[in-house]
């Protein structure tokens, strides 16, 4: 009898624990589809904000790259000189405007990127695992993890810049040492 009561209490505790998650995916009695789970995972993970942050960090590189590409076209040096002299704010402002226009175009594509990401989740992850991920992402622990991500990403970006700079300096020194026998730089 005592064993029965312990088993009954354990079962009741399990049901209570599982009921915490039930409202998270219940939709008028129907089970979510894998694509719905994938979309919910992306929403819970702040996909639009993450993608926006990623592209925003790339914009300065795209701006500089665009100006650099202009110098590679026929008469590009003259064009860049005209931009520097005549465009309000010069080449820096011209590159900045390119970055602004890029971000407008990229943000307009967010719904397409979101849907393609959801489809990729469905293609790569089994339906029961998608549901488990969704349940975690919508749980208090998942919400806490998602809330901490921007701060973690910002910190890791700073760490990455420092490491990238150091590794870049080392790679440049190594390349120049290797190239010296061809270029005769130090002779």
Foldseek 3Di string as FASTA:
>chain_A
DVVVVVVVVVVVVVVVVVVVLVVVQDDPNDGDDLLVLLLLLCVLLVVLVVVLVVLVVCLVVQLVVVLVVQCVDVCSVVVLVCQQVPPVVGSVVVSVVVSVVVSVVVSVCVVVVSSVSSVVCPVPDPSVVSNVSSSCSPDPNNSVVSVCVVVVVVVVVVVCVVVVVVVVVVVVVVVCVVCCVVVVPVD
